[in-house]
Amino acid sequence: MTTPPHVIVLPGGGYAFRAEHEGEPVAAWLRSLGLEASVLAYPVTTRHPGPIDALRMRVAELRAAGVERLGVLGFSAGGHLAGHAAALGLVDLAVLCYPVVSMLTPTHGGSRRELLGRWATPWARAATSVERLVTPRMPPTFVWHTAEDASVPLEHPYLLAQALARHGVPHALHVYPRGRHGLGLVTGIEGGEHAGIAAHWTRDCAEWLRELGWVD
């Protein structure tokens, strides 16, 4: 019997905490699509490579358990971690939700300070910038963001999309006009009532997963 695809969920929180609404509720949504899903409590308030090493260990555990198709879904700083894993070839698919992408830009400074320290060298910042790590071997990637995101501006997904296109990586990029940072599944409690069509990201993502053969 073929093992169902598994998606590791990585909540955001600026590498300082893990947002609860971007964890188990998202895993439950993925399970409703027929996928296996789990939330990784990756270490926060710790320096690189602590988070990516924790994700490597979880990937190794799932591979050892027989998971053949393995994806990651991350929000904000968790999106940075998911993108990092995808760029390193650890997984077979990535969904990045309003992700922090670059450690070279002034934003998101909080994530950079938690991950690399206040006085990170240009080399360390470049080595952890996902757009610098993309190769043709990066797996299919779905990215969504909002034009109103004041915490992680559109520069981040655009830098990533340019790199994905340059290397011929299959990808989808959705930029919705409204919605603040941290929307999660875009329910009312997270400000979804002001997000407009950003609430469609789960539908758009499910259709993308279906097109790739990950869900029926």
N, C-alpha and C. Protein backbone atom coordinates (compact mmCIF):
# COMPACT_ATOMS: atom_id res chain seq x y z
N MET A 1 0.84 -1.19 0.00
CA MET A 1 0.00 0.00 0.00
C MET A 1 0.88 1.25 0.00
N THR A 2 0.54 2.20 -0.86
CA THR A 2 1.31 3.44 -0.96
C THR A 2 0.98 4.35 0.23
N THR A 3 2.02 4.89 0.84
CA THR A 3 1.83 5.81 1.95
C THR A 3 1.33 7.14 1.43
N PRO A 4 0.29 7.74 2.04
CA PRO A 4 -0.20 9.05 1.58
C PRO A 4 0.89 10.10 1.70
N PRO A 5 0.85 11.12 0.86
CA PRO A 5 1.80 12.23 1.03
C PRO A 5 1.66 12.85 2.41
N HIS A 6 2.75 13.34 2.92
CA HIS A 6 2.78 13.95 4.25
C HIS A 6 3.30 15.38 4.12
N VAL A 7 2.65 16.31 4.81
CA VAL A 7 3.09 17.70 4.80
C VAL A 7 3.43 18.13 6.22
N ILE A 8 4.62 18.67 6.40
CA ILE A 8 5.07 19.21 7.67
C ILE A 8 4.68 20.68 7.73
N VAL A 9 3.95 21.06 8.76
CA VAL A 9 3.50 22.45 8.92
C VAL A 9 4.47 23.19 9.84
N LEU A 10 4.87 24.39 9.41
CA LEU A 10 5.84 25.20 10.14
C LEU A 10 5.22 26.56 10.44
N PRO A 11 4.70 26.77 11.65
CA PRO A 11 4.09 28.06 11.99
C PRO A 11 5.10 29.20 11.94
N GLY A 12 4.57 30.41 11.77
CA GLY A 12 5.42 31.59 11.83
C GLY A 12 5.59 32.09 13.25
N GLY A 13 6.25 33.24 13.35
CA GLY A 13 6.49 33.83 14.66
C GLY A 13 7.84 34.52 14.75
N GLY A 14 8.43 34.84 13.60
CA GLY A 14 9.68 35.58 13.60
C GLY A 14 10.85 34.85 14.22
N TYR A 15 10.80 33.52 14.24
CA TYR A 15 11.83 32.70 14.90
C TYR A 15 11.92 33.01 16.40
N ALA A 16 10.90 33.71 16.93
CA ALA A 16 10.87 34.02 18.37
C ALA A 16 9.81 33.21 19.09
N PHE A 17 8.75 32.80 18.38
CA PHE A 17 7.69 31.96 18.93
C PHE A 17 7.02 31.25 17.76
N ARG A 18 6.05 30.39 18.05
CA ARG A 18 5.33 29.67 17.00
C ARG A 18 3.84 30.00 17.15
N ALA A 19 3.27 30.62 16.13
CA ALA A 19 1.88 31.06 16.18
C ALA A 19 0.94 29.86 16.14
N GLU A 20 0.09 29.74 17.14
CA GLU A 20 -0.78 28.57 17.25
C GLU A 20 -1.76 28.45 16.09
N HIS A 21 -2.29 29.59 15.62
CA HIS A 21 -3.29 29.52 14.56
C HIS A 21 -2.69 29.11 13.22
N GLU A 22 -1.35 29.09 13.13
CA GLU A 22 -0.67 28.64 11.91
C GLU A 22 -0.12 27.23 12.05
N GLY A 23 -0.59 26.52 13.08
CA GLY A 23 -0.11 25.17 13.34
C GLY A 23 -1.18 24.13 13.14
N GLU A 24 -1.74 23.62 14.23
CA GLU A 24 -2.67 22.51 14.16
C GLU A 24 -3.90 22.78 13.30
N PRO A 25 -4.50 23.98 13.33
CA PRO A 25 -5.63 24.21 12.42
C PRO A 25 -5.27 24.00 10.95
N VAL A 26 -4.05 24.34 10.59
CA VAL A 26 -3.60 24.17 9.20
C VAL A 26 -3.39 22.69 8.90
N ALA A 27 -2.81 21.96 9.85
CA ALA A 27 -2.65 20.52 9.67
C ALA A 27 -4.01 19.84 9.51
N ALA A 28 -5.01 20.29 10.27
CA ALA A 28 -6.36 19.73 10.15
C ALA A 28 -6.93 19.99 8.76
N TRP A 29 -6.70 21.19 8.23
CA TRP A 29 -7.16 21.50 6.87
C TRP A 29 -6.49 20.57 5.85
N LEU A 30 -5.20 20.35 5.98
CA LEU A 30 -4.50 19.45 5.07
C LEU A 30 -5.06 18.03 5.16
N ARG A 31 -5.35 17.59 6.37
CA ARG A 31 -5.92 16.25 6.54
C ARG A 31 -7.29 16.16 5.87
N SER A 32 -8.03 17.28 5.87
CA SER A 32 -9.35 17.27 5.23
C SER A 32 -9.23 17.07 3.72
N LEU A 33 -8.05 17.33 3.17
CA LEU A 33 -7.80 17.10 1.75
C LEU A 33 -7.35 15.68 1.46
N GLY A 34 -7.15 14.89 2.51
CA GLY A 34 -6.69 13.51 2.34
C GLY A 34 -5.20 13.33 2.51
N LEU A 35 -4.51 14.36 2.96
CA LEU A 35 -3.08 14.28 3.20
C LEU A 35 -2.80 13.92 4.66
N GLU A 36 -1.63 13.37 4.91
CA GLU A 36 -1.13 13.27 6.27
C GLU A 36 -0.43 14.60 6.60
N ALA A 37 -0.52 15.03 7.83
CA ALA A 37 0.09 16.30 8.20
C ALA A 37 0.49 16.30 9.66
N SER A 38 1.58 17.00 9.96
CA SER A 38 2.03 17.16 11.34
C SER A 38 2.64 18.53 11.49
N VAL A 39 2.62 19.05 12.72
CA VAL A 39 3.19 20.36 13.02
C VAL A 39 4.54 20.14 13.71
N LEU A 40 5.56 20.79 13.19
CA LEU A 40 6.89 20.67 13.79
C LEU A 40 7.14 21.84 14.74
N ALA A 41 7.41 21.50 16.00
CA ALA A 41 7.78 22.52 16.99
C ALA A 41 9.28 22.79 16.89
N TYR A 42 9.67 23.40 15.78
CA TYR A 42 11.09 23.69 15.56
C TYR A 42 11.57 24.69 16.62
N PRO A 43 12.85 24.67 16.94
CA PRO A 43 13.34 25.55 18.00
C PRO A 43 13.29 27.02 17.60
N VAL A 44 12.92 27.86 18.55
CA VAL A 44 12.90 29.30 18.34
C VAL A 44 13.84 29.95 19.35
N THR A 45 14.08 31.23 19.17
CA THR A 45 15.07 31.97 19.96
C THR A 45 16.38 31.19 20.02
N THR A 46 16.73 30.63 18.89
CA THR A 46 17.99 29.90 18.78
C THR A 46 18.62 30.22 17.44
N ARG A 47 19.91 30.10 17.35
CA ARG A 47 20.63 30.51 16.15
C ARG A 47 20.62 29.41 15.07
N HIS A 48 20.77 29.86 13.84
CA HIS A 48 21.02 28.96 12.72
C HIS A 48 22.29 28.16 13.03
N PRO A 49 22.31 26.84 12.76
CA PRO A 49 21.35 26.05 11.99
C PRO A 49 20.33 25.28 12.82
N GLY A 50 20.04 25.74 14.04
CA GLY A 50 19.11 25.00 14.90
C GLY A 50 17.79 24.65 14.24
N PRO A 51 17.05 25.61 13.67
CA PRO A 51 15.76 25.27 13.06
C PRO A 51 15.87 24.32 11.88
N ILE A 52 16.80 24.56 10.98
CA ILE A 52 16.89 23.69 9.80
C ILE A 52 17.39 22.30 10.19
N ASP A 53 18.21 22.20 11.21
CA ASP A 53 18.66 20.89 11.68
C ASP A 53 17.48 20.10 12.27
N ALA A 54 16.60 20.79 13.01
CA ALA A 54 15.41 20.12 13.56
C ALA A 54 14.51 19.62 12.43
N LEU A 55 14.37 20.42 11.39
CA LEU A 55 13.55 20.00 10.26
C LEU A 55 14.20 18.83 9.52
N ARG A 56 15.51 18.85 9.38
CA ARG A 56 16.21 17.71 8.77
C ARG A 56 15.90 16.42 9.53
N MET A 57 15.92 16.50 10.85
CA MET A 57 15.66 15.31 11.66
C MET A 57 14.24 14.80 11.45
N ARG A 58 13.27 15.71 11.39
CA ARG A 58 11.88 15.30 11.17
C ARG A 58 11.72 14.69 9.79
N VAL A 59 12.35 15.27 8.79
CA VAL A 59 12.31 14.70 7.44
C VAL A 59 12.89 13.30 7.44
N ALA A 60 14.02 13.11 8.12
CA ALA A 60 14.65 11.79 8.17
C ALA A 60 13.75 10.77 8.85
N GLU A 61 13.06 11.19 9.92
CA GLU A 61 12.14 10.28 10.61
C GLU A 61 11.01 9.83 9.68
N LEU A 62 10.44 10.77 8.95
CA LEU A 62 9.32 10.44 8.08
C LEU A 62 9.78 9.60 6.89
N ARG A 63 10.94 9.89 6.35
CA ARG A 63 11.47 9.07 5.26
C ARG A 63 11.72 7.64 5.76
N ALA A 64 12.26 7.52 6.97
CA ALA A 64 12.52 6.20 7.53
C ALA A 64 11.22 5.43 7.78
N ALA A 65 10.13 6.16 8.00
CA ALA A 65 8.82 5.54 8.22
C ALA A 65 8.14 5.17 6.91
N GLY A 66 8.77 5.47 5.80
CA GLY A 66 8.23 5.06 4.50
C GLY A 66 7.52 6.14 3.71
N VAL A 67 7.57 7.40 4.17
CA VAL A 67 6.92 8.48 3.43
C VAL A 67 7.72 8.76 2.16
N GLU A 68 7.07 8.63 1.03
CA GLU A 68 7.75 8.84 -0.25
C GLU A 68 7.58 10.26 -0.77
N ARG A 69 6.39 10.81 -0.61
CA ARG A 69 6.14 12.19 -1.04
C ARG A 69 5.97 13.04 0.21
N LEU A 70 6.89 13.98 0.37
CA LEU A 70 6.95 14.77 1.60
C LEU A 70 7.02 16.25 1.25
N GLY A 71 6.11 17.02 1.81
CA GLY A 71 6.09 18.45 1.56
C GLY A 71 6.22 19.25 2.84
N VAL A 72 6.41 20.56 2.67
CA VAL A 72 6.44 21.49 3.79
C VAL A 72 5.49 22.64 3.49
N LEU A 73 4.87 23.15 4.54
CA LEU A 73 4.01 24.32 4.43
C LEU A 73 4.35 25.24 5.58
N GLY A 74 4.83 26.44 5.26
CA GLY A 74 5.27 27.34 6.31
C GLY A 74 4.75 28.74 6.15
N PHE A 75 4.59 29.43 7.29
CA PHE A 75 4.10 30.79 7.34
C PHE A 75 5.20 31.73 7.82
N SER A 76 5.39 32.85 7.14
CA SER A 76 6.29 33.90 7.59
C SER A 76 7.69 33.34 7.85
N ALA A 77 8.19 33.38 9.09
CA ALA A 77 9.50 32.78 9.37
C ALA A 77 9.46 31.28 9.14
N GLY A 78 8.32 30.64 9.42
CA GLY A 78 8.18 29.23 9.08
C GLY A 78 8.22 29.02 7.58
N GLY A 79 7.78 30.03 6.81
CA GLY A 79 7.91 29.97 5.36
C GLY A 79 9.36 30.06 4.93
N HIS A 80 10.14 30.85 5.66
CA HIS A 80 11.58 30.89 5.38
C HIS A 80 12.20 29.52 5.61
N LEU A 81 11.84 28.90 6.72
CA LEU A 81 12.37 27.57 7.04
C LEU A 81 11.93 26.55 5.98
N ALA A 82 10.66 26.62 5.57
CA ALA A 82 10.17 25.70 4.54
C ALA A 82 10.89 25.93 3.22
N GLY A 83 11.07 27.20 2.85
CA GLY A 83 11.79 27.49 1.61
C GLY A 83 13.24 27.04 1.65
N HIS A 84 13.86 27.19 2.81
CA HIS A 84 15.24 26.74 2.99
C HIS A 84 15.33 25.23 2.77
N ALA A 85 14.40 24.50 3.38
CA ALA A 85 14.40 23.04 3.22
C ALA A 85 14.17 22.64 1.77
N ALA A 86 13.26 23.34 1.10
CA ALA A 86 12.99 23.03 -0.30
C ALA A 86 14.22 23.30 -1.17
N ALA A 87 14.87 24.43 -0.91
CA ALA A 87 16.05 24.78 -1.70
C ALA A 87 17.20 23.79 -1.49
N LEU A 88 17.25 23.20 -0.31
CA LEU A 88 18.28 22.21 -0.01
C LEU A 88 17.92 20.82 -0.54
N GLY A 89 16.74 20.67 -1.11
CA GLY A 89 16.34 19.38 -1.67
C GLY A 89 15.87 18.37 -0.65
N LEU A 90 15.43 18.84 0.53
CA LEU A 90 15.01 17.91 1.57
C LEU A 90 13.60 17.37 1.35
N VAL A 91 12.79 18.09 0.57
CA VAL A 91 11.37 17.75 0.41
C VAL A 91 10.99 17.76 -1.06
N ASP A 92 9.75 17.33 -1.32
CA ASP A 92 9.29 17.17 -2.70
C ASP A 92 8.31 18.25 -3.14
N LEU A 93 7.94 19.15 -2.23
CA LEU A 93 6.96 20.18 -2.54
C LEU A 93 6.98 21.20 -1.40
N ALA A 94 6.70 22.45 -1.74
CA ALA A 94 6.70 23.49 -0.71
C ALA A 94 5.54 24.45 -0.93
N VAL A 95 4.89 24.82 0.17
CA VAL A 95 3.86 25.86 0.18
C VAL A 95 4.35 26.94 1.14
N LEU A 96 4.52 28.15 0.62
CA LEU A 96 5.09 29.24 1.41
C LEU A 96 4.06 30.35 1.53
N CYS A 97 3.67 30.63 2.74
CA CYS A 97 2.59 31.58 3.02
C CYS A 97 3.19 32.86 3.62
N TYR A 98 3.03 33.97 2.91
CA TYR A 98 3.66 35.26 3.24
C TYR A 98 5.04 35.05 3.86
N PRO A 99 5.93 34.37 3.09
CA PRO A 99 7.20 33.95 3.68
C PRO A 99 8.24 35.07 3.79
N VAL A 100 9.03 34.99 4.84
CA VAL A 100 10.31 35.69 4.86
C VAL A 100 11.21 34.92 3.89
N VAL A 101 11.82 35.61 2.96
CA VAL A 101 12.65 34.95 1.95
C VAL A 101 14.11 35.34 2.10
N SER A 102 14.36 36.63 2.12
CA SER A 102 15.74 37.12 2.08
C SER A 102 16.21 37.60 3.45
N MET A 103 17.43 37.27 3.79
CA MET A 103 18.07 37.80 4.98
C MET A 103 18.98 38.98 4.62
N LEU A 104 18.99 39.37 3.34
CA LEU A 104 19.81 40.49 2.89
C LEU A 104 19.05 41.81 2.90
N THR A 105 17.71 41.76 2.86
CA THR A 105 16.91 42.98 2.87
C THR A 105 16.77 43.51 4.30
N PRO A 106 16.40 44.77 4.47
CA PRO A 106 16.20 45.31 5.82
C PRO A 106 15.09 44.60 6.59
N THR A 107 14.11 44.06 5.87
CA THR A 107 13.00 43.35 6.51
C THR A 107 13.12 41.87 6.16
N HIS A 108 12.68 40.93 6.94
CA HIS A 108 12.09 41.10 8.26
C HIS A 108 13.21 41.04 9.29
N GLY A 109 13.56 42.20 9.87
CA GLY A 109 14.70 42.27 10.75
C GLY A 109 14.59 41.41 11.99
N GLY A 110 13.36 41.23 12.52
CA GLY A 110 13.20 40.40 13.71
C GLY A 110 13.58 38.96 13.46
N SER A 111 13.15 38.41 12.34
CA SER A 111 13.52 37.03 12.00
C SER A 111 15.02 36.89 11.84
N ARG A 112 15.63 37.87 11.18
CA ARG A 112 17.07 37.80 10.95
C ARG A 112 17.84 37.86 12.27
N ARG A 113 17.43 38.75 13.17
CA ARG A 113 18.14 38.85 14.44
C ARG A 113 18.02 37.58 15.26
N GLU A 114 16.83 36.98 15.29
CA GLU A 114 16.66 35.74 16.06
C GLU A 114 17.48 34.60 15.46
N LEU A 115 17.52 34.54 14.13
CA LEU A 115 18.19 33.41 13.47
C LEU A 115 19.69 33.59 13.38
N LEU A 116 20.15 34.82 13.14
CA LEU A 116 21.57 35.04 12.84
C LEU A 116 22.28 35.95 13.84
N GLY A 117 21.52 36.60 14.71
CA GLY A 117 22.14 37.53 15.64
C GLY A 117 22.13 38.95 15.09
N ARG A 118 22.31 39.90 15.96
CA ARG A 118 22.21 41.31 15.57
C ARG A 118 23.31 41.73 14.61
N TRP A 119 24.48 41.12 14.71
CA TRP A 119 25.62 41.54 13.90
C TRP A 119 25.99 40.47 12.89
N ALA A 120 25.02 39.89 12.23
CA ALA A 120 25.28 38.84 11.25
C ALA A 120 26.14 39.37 10.10
N THR A 121 27.06 38.56 9.65
CA THR A 121 27.93 38.95 8.55
C THR A 121 27.17 38.89 7.23
N PRO A 122 27.61 39.65 6.23
CA PRO A 122 26.98 39.55 4.91
C PRO A 122 27.00 38.12 4.37
N TRP A 123 28.05 37.37 4.66
CA TRP A 123 28.12 35.99 4.18
C TRP A 123 27.02 35.15 4.82
N ALA A 124 26.84 35.29 6.13
CA ALA A 124 25.81 34.50 6.82
C ALA A 124 24.42 34.88 6.32
N ARG A 125 24.20 36.16 6.06
CA ARG A 125 22.90 36.60 5.57
C ARG A 125 22.64 36.05 4.17
N ALA A 126 23.65 36.06 3.32
CA ALA A 126 23.48 35.53 1.96
C ALA A 126 23.26 34.02 1.99
N ALA A 127 23.96 33.33 2.90
CA ALA A 127 23.88 31.87 2.96
C ALA A 127 22.54 31.37 3.46
N THR A 128 21.74 32.25 4.06
CA THR A 128 20.42 31.86 4.56
C THR A 128 19.30 32.60 3.84
N SER A 129 19.62 33.21 2.71
CA SER A 129 18.61 33.87 1.88
C SER A 129 18.11 32.89 0.85
N VAL A 130 16.85 32.55 0.93
CA VAL A 130 16.32 31.46 0.09
C VAL A 130 16.49 31.76 -1.39
N GLU A 131 16.31 33.02 -1.78
CA GLU A 131 16.43 33.34 -3.21
C GLU A 131 17.84 33.07 -3.74
N ARG A 132 18.83 33.06 -2.86
CA ARG A 132 20.21 32.77 -3.25
C ARG A 132 20.48 31.26 -3.32
N LEU A 133 19.59 30.46 -2.75
CA LEU A 133 19.80 29.01 -2.66
C LEU A 133 19.05 28.22 -3.72
N VAL A 134 18.18 28.89 -4.48
CA VAL A 134 17.36 28.19 -5.48
C VAL A 134 18.25 27.59 -6.57
N THR A 135 17.95 26.35 -6.93
CA THR A 135 18.59 25.66 -8.06
C THR A 135 17.49 24.99 -8.88
N PRO A 136 17.82 24.48 -10.06
CA PRO A 136 16.81 23.78 -10.85
C PRO A 136 16.23 22.55 -10.15
N ARG A 137 16.88 22.08 -9.10
CA ARG A 137 16.40 20.89 -8.39
C ARG A 137 15.37 21.22 -7.31
N MET A 138 15.09 22.49 -7.10
CA MET A 138 14.09 22.85 -6.09
C MET A 138 12.73 22.31 -6.52
N PRO A 139 11.95 21.76 -5.59
CA PRO A 139 10.68 21.14 -5.96
C PRO A 139 9.61 22.17 -6.28
N PRO A 140 8.47 21.74 -6.83
CA PRO A 140 7.36 22.66 -7.09
C PRO A 140 7.01 23.47 -5.85
N THR A 141 6.75 24.75 -6.05
CA THR A 141 6.58 25.67 -4.93
C THR A 141 5.37 26.57 -5.16
N PHE A 142 4.52 26.65 -4.15
CA PHE A 142 3.34 27.53 -4.16
C PHE A 142 3.60 28.65 -3.18
N VAL A 143 3.45 29.89 -3.62
CA VAL A 143 3.71 31.05 -2.77
C VAL A 143 2.49 31.97 -2.78
N TRP A 144 2.08 32.42 -1.60
CA TRP A 144 1.04 33.46 -1.57
C TRP A 144 1.40 34.55 -0.58
N HIS A 145 0.91 35.75 -0.88
CA HIS A 145 1.25 36.92 -0.10
C HIS A 145 0.11 37.92 -0.27
N THR A 146 0.14 39.00 0.47
CA THR A 146 -0.83 40.08 0.24
C THR A 146 -0.09 41.39 0.00
N ALA A 147 -0.71 42.23 -0.83
CA ALA A 147 -0.09 43.52 -1.15
C ALA A 147 -0.06 44.45 0.06
N GLU A 148 -0.93 44.20 1.04
CA GLU A 148 -0.99 45.07 2.22
C GLU A 148 -0.08 44.62 3.36
N ASP A 149 0.67 43.55 3.16
CA ASP A 149 1.52 43.04 4.23
C ASP A 149 2.60 44.06 4.56
N ALA A 150 2.51 44.62 5.74
CA ALA A 150 3.48 45.65 6.16
C ALA A 150 4.67 45.06 6.91
N SER A 151 4.57 43.82 7.32
CA SER A 151 5.66 43.20 8.09
C SER A 151 6.69 42.55 7.19
N VAL A 152 6.22 41.81 6.19
CA VAL A 152 7.10 41.17 5.21
C VAL A 152 6.64 41.67 3.84
N PRO A 153 7.28 42.70 3.30
CA PRO A 153 6.79 43.31 2.07
C PRO A 153 6.94 42.41 0.85
N LEU A 154 6.32 42.84 -0.24
CA LEU A 154 6.26 42.03 -1.45
C LEU A 154 7.63 41.78 -2.08
N GLU A 155 8.62 42.54 -1.69
CA GLU A 155 9.97 42.29 -2.19
C GLU A 155 10.37 40.83 -1.98
N HIS A 156 9.94 40.24 -0.87
CA HIS A 156 10.34 38.88 -0.54
C HIS A 156 9.80 37.85 -1.54
N PRO A 157 8.48 37.75 -1.74
CA PRO A 157 8.01 36.76 -2.70
C PRO A 157 8.46 37.06 -4.12
N TYR A 158 8.62 38.33 -4.47
CA TYR A 158 9.07 38.65 -5.83
C TYR A 158 10.51 38.22 -6.05
N LEU A 159 11.37 38.41 -5.07
CA LEU A 159 12.74 37.92 -5.19
C LEU A 159 12.76 36.40 -5.39
N LEU A 160 11.92 35.71 -4.64
CA LEU A 160 11.88 34.26 -4.76
C LEU A 160 11.32 33.85 -6.12
N ALA A 161 10.24 34.47 -6.55
CA ALA A 161 9.63 34.11 -7.82
C ALA A 161 10.60 34.33 -8.98
N GLN A 162 11.37 35.40 -8.92
CA GLN A 162 12.37 35.65 -9.96
C GLN A 162 13.40 34.53 -10.00
N ALA A 163 13.83 34.10 -8.81
CA ALA A 163 14.82 33.02 -8.76
C ALA A 163 14.23 31.70 -9.25
N LEU A 164 12.99 31.42 -8.87
CA LEU A 164 12.34 30.20 -9.33
C LEU A 164 12.19 30.20 -10.85
N ALA A 165 11.78 31.33 -11.41
CA ALA A 165 11.62 31.43 -12.86
C ALA A 165 12.98 31.30 -13.56
N ARG A 166 13.99 31.93 -13.02
CA ARG A 166 15.31 31.90 -13.62
C ARG A 166 15.86 30.47 -13.71
N HIS A 167 15.51 29.65 -12.71
CA HIS A 167 16.02 28.27 -12.68
C HIS A 167 15.01 27.25 -13.20
N GLY A 168 13.89 27.72 -13.74
CA GLY A 168 12.92 26.81 -14.34
C GLY A 168 12.20 25.92 -13.34
N VAL A 169 12.00 26.41 -12.11
CA VAL A 169 11.31 25.62 -11.09
C VAL A 169 9.80 25.83 -11.24
N PRO A 170 9.02 24.76 -11.34
CA PRO A 170 7.56 24.92 -11.41
C PRO A 170 7.05 25.60 -10.15
N HIS A 171 6.25 26.65 -10.35
CA HIS A 171 5.77 27.38 -9.18
C HIS A 171 4.51 28.15 -9.51
N ALA A 172 3.81 28.53 -8.46
CA ALA A 172 2.65 29.43 -8.54
C ALA A 172 2.87 30.55 -7.55
N LEU A 173 2.55 31.78 -7.96
CA LEU A 173 2.65 32.94 -7.08
C LEU A 173 1.33 33.67 -7.10
N HIS A 174 0.71 33.80 -5.92
CA HIS A 174 -0.55 34.52 -5.78
C HIS A 174 -0.32 35.72 -4.86
N VAL A 175 -0.59 36.90 -5.36
CA VAL A 175 -0.53 38.12 -4.54
C VAL A 175 -1.94 38.67 -4.47
N TYR A 176 -2.54 38.56 -3.29
CA TYR A 176 -3.90 39.03 -3.09
C TYR A 176 -3.86 40.49 -2.64
N PRO A 177 -4.84 41.31 -3.04
CA PRO A 177 -4.74 42.76 -2.80
C PRO A 177 -4.86 43.19 -1.35
N ARG A 178 -5.62 42.45 -0.55
CA ARG A 178 -5.91 42.91 0.80
C ARG A 178 -5.47 41.86 1.82
N GLY A 179 -5.31 42.32 3.06
CA GLY A 179 -5.00 41.41 4.17
C GLY A 179 -3.68 41.72 4.83
N ARG A 180 -3.70 41.73 6.14
CA ARG A 180 -2.50 42.00 6.91
C ARG A 180 -1.64 40.74 7.04
N HIS A 181 -0.48 40.91 7.62
CA HIS A 181 0.42 39.78 7.87
C HIS A 181 -0.18 38.86 8.93
N GLY A 182 0.08 37.56 8.80
CA GLY A 182 -0.33 36.61 9.83
C GLY A 182 -1.74 36.09 9.69
N LEU A 183 -2.28 36.04 8.48
CA LEU A 183 -3.67 35.65 8.28
C LEU A 183 -3.95 34.17 8.56
N GLY A 184 -2.96 33.32 8.45
CA GLY A 184 -3.21 31.89 8.65
C GLY A 184 -4.21 31.36 7.64
N LEU A 185 -5.22 30.67 8.12
CA LEU A 185 -6.27 30.14 7.25
C LEU A 185 -7.27 31.21 6.84
N VAL A 186 -7.08 32.43 7.30
CA VAL A 186 -7.94 33.57 6.98
C VAL A 186 -9.35 33.36 7.51
N THR A 187 -9.43 33.20 8.80
CA THR A 187 -10.71 33.18 9.49
C THR A 187 -10.90 34.52 10.18
N GLY A 188 -12.09 34.78 10.65
CA GLY A 188 -12.40 36.08 11.22
C GLY A 188 -11.50 36.48 12.37
N ILE A 189 -11.12 35.51 13.19
CA ILE A 189 -10.35 35.84 14.40
C ILE A 189 -8.97 36.37 14.06
N GLU A 190 -8.44 36.01 12.88
CA GLU A 190 -7.14 36.52 12.45
C GLU A 190 -7.26 37.71 11.51
N GLY A 191 -8.43 38.34 11.46
CA GLY A 191 -8.60 39.49 10.60
C GLY A 191 -9.07 39.14 9.21
N GLY A 192 -9.57 37.93 9.02
CA GLY A 192 -9.98 37.48 7.71
C GLY A 192 -11.12 38.29 7.13
N GLU A 193 -11.91 38.93 8.00
CA GLU A 193 -13.04 39.70 7.50
C GLU A 193 -12.57 40.91 6.68
N HIS A 194 -11.30 41.27 6.79
CA HIS A 194 -10.74 42.39 6.04
C HIS A 194 -9.78 41.92 4.95
N ALA A 195 -9.77 40.64 4.65
CA ALA A 195 -8.76 40.09 3.74
C ALA A 195 -9.27 39.88 2.33
N GLY A 196 -10.56 40.01 2.09
CA GLY A 196 -11.07 39.84 0.74
C GLY A 196 -10.75 38.49 0.16
N ILE A 197 -10.27 38.49 -1.09
CA ILE A 197 -10.03 37.23 -1.79
C ILE A 197 -8.80 36.49 -1.30
N ALA A 198 -8.04 37.06 -0.35
CA ALA A 198 -6.96 36.27 0.25
C ALA A 198 -7.52 35.03 0.94
N ALA A 199 -8.80 35.08 1.30
CA ALA A 199 -9.45 33.90 1.90
C ALA A 199 -9.51 32.74 0.92
N HIS A 200 -9.24 33.00 -0.36
CA HIS A 200 -9.27 31.94 -1.37
C HIS A 200 -7.97 31.16 -1.46
N TRP A 201 -6.97 31.53 -0.63
CA TRP A 201 -5.68 30.87 -0.83
C TRP A 201 -5.75 29.37 -0.60
N THR A 202 -6.59 28.93 0.34
CA THR A 202 -6.68 27.48 0.58
C THR A 202 -7.30 26.78 -0.62
N ARG A 203 -8.28 27.40 -1.25
CA ARG A 203 -8.87 26.84 -2.46
C ARG A 203 -7.83 26.79 -3.58
N ASP A 204 -7.10 27.89 -3.77
CA ASP A 204 -6.10 27.94 -4.83
C ASP A 204 -4.99 26.92 -4.59
N CYS A 205 -4.59 26.78 -3.32
CA CYS A 205 -3.54 25.81 -2.99
C CYS A 205 -4.03 24.39 -3.20
N ALA A 206 -5.27 24.10 -2.79
CA ALA A 206 -5.82 22.76 -2.98
C ALA A 206 -5.89 22.40 -4.46
N GLU A 207 -6.26 23.35 -5.30
CA GLU A 207 -6.31 23.10 -6.74
C GLU A 207 -4.92 22.82 -7.29
N TRP A 208 -3.94 23.54 -6.80
CA TRP A 208 -2.55 23.32 -7.21
C TRP A 208 -2.07 21.93 -6.79
N LEU A 209 -2.38 21.56 -5.56
CA LEU A 209 -2.01 20.22 -5.08
C LEU A 209 -2.71 19.14 -5.90
N ARG A 210 -3.94 19.40 -6.27
CA ARG A 210 -4.69 18.44 -7.09
C ARG A 210 -4.04 18.30 -8.47
N GLU A 211 -3.63 19.41 -9.05
CA GLU A 211 -3.01 19.38 -10.37
C GLU A 211 -1.70 18.59 -10.34
N LEU A 212 -1.00 18.64 -9.22
CA LEU A 212 0.24 17.90 -9.08
C LEU A 212 0.02 16.44 -8.68
N GLY A 213 -1.22 16.06 -8.42
CA GLY A 213 -1.52 14.69 -8.06
C GLY A 213 -1.31 14.36 -6.60
N TRP A 214 -1.25 15.39 -5.75
CA TRP A 214 -1.07 15.14 -4.32
C TRP A 214 -2.39 14.92 -3.61
N VAL A 215 -3.47 15.46 -4.13
CA VAL A 215 -4.80 15.22 -3.56
C VAL A 215 -5.74 14.83 -4.68
N ASP A 216 -6.80 14.13 -4.33
CA ASP A 216 -7.79 13.69 -5.33
C ASP A 216 -8.74 14.82 -5.68
